[in-house]
Structure formats: C-alpha cells, structure tokens
Amino acid sequence: MLSLAFAMAAGVGITALQGSRREARARASHPPEGRFIEVGDARVHAVEMGQPQGSAPDLVLIHGSNGSTRDMSFRLAPALADRFRVLMFDRPGLGYTAAPKAGNATLRDQAALLQQAAASLGAERPIVLGQSYGGAVALTWAVYHPDDLSALVSVSGVSHPWDGSLDPFYKVTASPLGSRLVVPLITSYVPERTVTRALEDVFAPQPVPEGYAEHFGPGLTLRRGSLRANALHRANLLRDIKAQAPQYDRIKVPVELVHGDADTTVGVHLHAARLVKDVPQARLTLLDGIGHMPHHVATGDVTDAVDRAAARAGL
C-alpha cells in the first residue's frame, strides 16, 4: 500500500510538472497580444486594432468556444481595421483573461464583463460581433444591456435551445472529479496535433487557412485553466440559452446574421433561421456551401455585414 501511494504521488507530480512545462511553452510562443485592464475584480486581456478612439465607430469582436483574441486577430480584425476601432477581449478563463473567482461564468456574466471592459476603453455603444459561442454572448449583451450597443452581428451564432445531451467529453471535464483528475492528464499528454486536427472538423467543408493554426496557438487551449473554463461554459450553455431565448423581443438594435448552410456545428435552421423570426429587425445572410468559420473563409461577407450594421445604426 505504501509503495502504491508513493507511485500515485509520483505520477501526480510528474503530470503536474509536464502540464506546467507545456503551459509555459504555450505562453512563451503565444504571449498576450494586447494589454490587461481591471474590470471590478476581474483582469481582462484586451487587444485594440485599427482607428484611434473617437475617429471611427467602435467594434467589439467576441471569440467562440476554447478560443481567444487570436481567432479574431488572424483575418477578421485586420479586414475591418481601416474603418473601425476594433476591440477584442478574451472571454473569462480563456486566452489571458482570468476565470472568475466564483467559478463558472454564465452568458450573462460574460456579457456584463465584456460590456464593462468595452466601456472602460471608451466604447459606450459599440457594434458587437460574436462568433459561435461568442454569438450567444453578443445576444446576451443585446438582451440585458440594450442601451450599451448600437448594433449586433452574429456569425454562426448559437441562439436557441436544441435537443440532445451534452457531449461526454464536456460531461467529464466539467464534473468536479473530471476537472481534478482528467483535465490534468489531457493537458499534460494530449499532443498539440490533436487540437490541430480538431480545427479541420471546425472549418469543414473548407480547409483550415494557411498559417491559422500557428497564429491561433493550439497550446493555449491545452492549459488546465482554459480547458476547465471552456468545459463549464459548454456544460451550462443550453441552460443559459433556454433562459434568454424567450427575451429576444427586448433587442431593439439592428441585427445582422451571417451563417453558412453547411455548418454542422451550429445549424442555421435551428439558430439563425429562428432568430430572424424572433427579432423583426434581424437580417440573415445565408452563405452557400460555407461551414462554421465564415469570418475566415468568407471574410468579405462578414465585413459586409458589419458595414451594413454600422450603416443601419447611423454610424
């Protein structure tokens, strides 16, 4: 028994050391792109690109699941920087924004934090764009902070409840036991190429753009804190969506939706097509043959939607 205890302790120690080394390498190879701002008791990583404050409309970009500002800074933000002041934030627990001390950050928590972060940088009523899970956060912003944005753009965004159970991966990693035991094993020993291969599924049927994986930094997603935070976000997403979907009539700003009809991650008929019916001022741009990542593979269609939102808002 004593030998077994020593062996288990050694295994835990080796795993922790391996995880710490990998996380250090990820931080070194993909450091923060921007600066840190204090919002209440939260430390938020913010990246600013484009035009000086006050010289152009403010635009907030919100990344999706298990992502960071690097997803938005690869192709979309540079395509908008000539005519907007672009602000990007890491969502709580992801990238370089700290997870909340109280544990999970609900959609409403995240929207409130990012709205306050934008306001602290002088963006009182920005255009807000969210992709995938970030689209749900953007919708929450519009529902609960209707006076604190000028227009909404949702790209492949989650909006409505769905049938089916939570993916077993998230069931395990979001559980207390899985968070303590399984997450360290995944982050210590799963190779980064596994994340790179997963990107192929996310981008399908389009290929992953050249240079995207290197810019995005798969190692950033294979950190214990990031994996735990993302698991909790995903585990509670359906509950949060069920709570807010009946309140979409509170959205009063112009809404532009961009969604690919080949998106198998967030299906257009379950989400954007229903949101158009619930929000009279919402307009849907349906992209033929495009999957879940239009902001990278059909960037012009997304930037056109942002331009239309700005024009409709009188900016």
Foldseek 3Di string as FASTA:
>chain_A
DVVVVVVVVVVVVVLVVLLVVLLVVLCVLAPQPADWDDDPPWIKRKDKAADDPPPAAEEEEEEDFLFACLLCVPFQCVVCRPHYTYMYIGFDLADPIHHDPVAAQELLNRLVRVLSVCVVVVQQAHEYEYAACGLSSQLSNCLPVVVRYAEYEYELYAAAADDDDADVVLVQCQDPVSLVPVLSVCLRPPDLVVVVVVVQVQFPPDGDDPPSCSSRRSSSSSHSSNVNRSSSHRNCVNVSNVVCNVRSQSRDHAYEYEYECAEPPRHCVRGVVVSCVVYVRYDYDYHYRGYRCCCPVVVVVRVVSVVVSCVSSVD
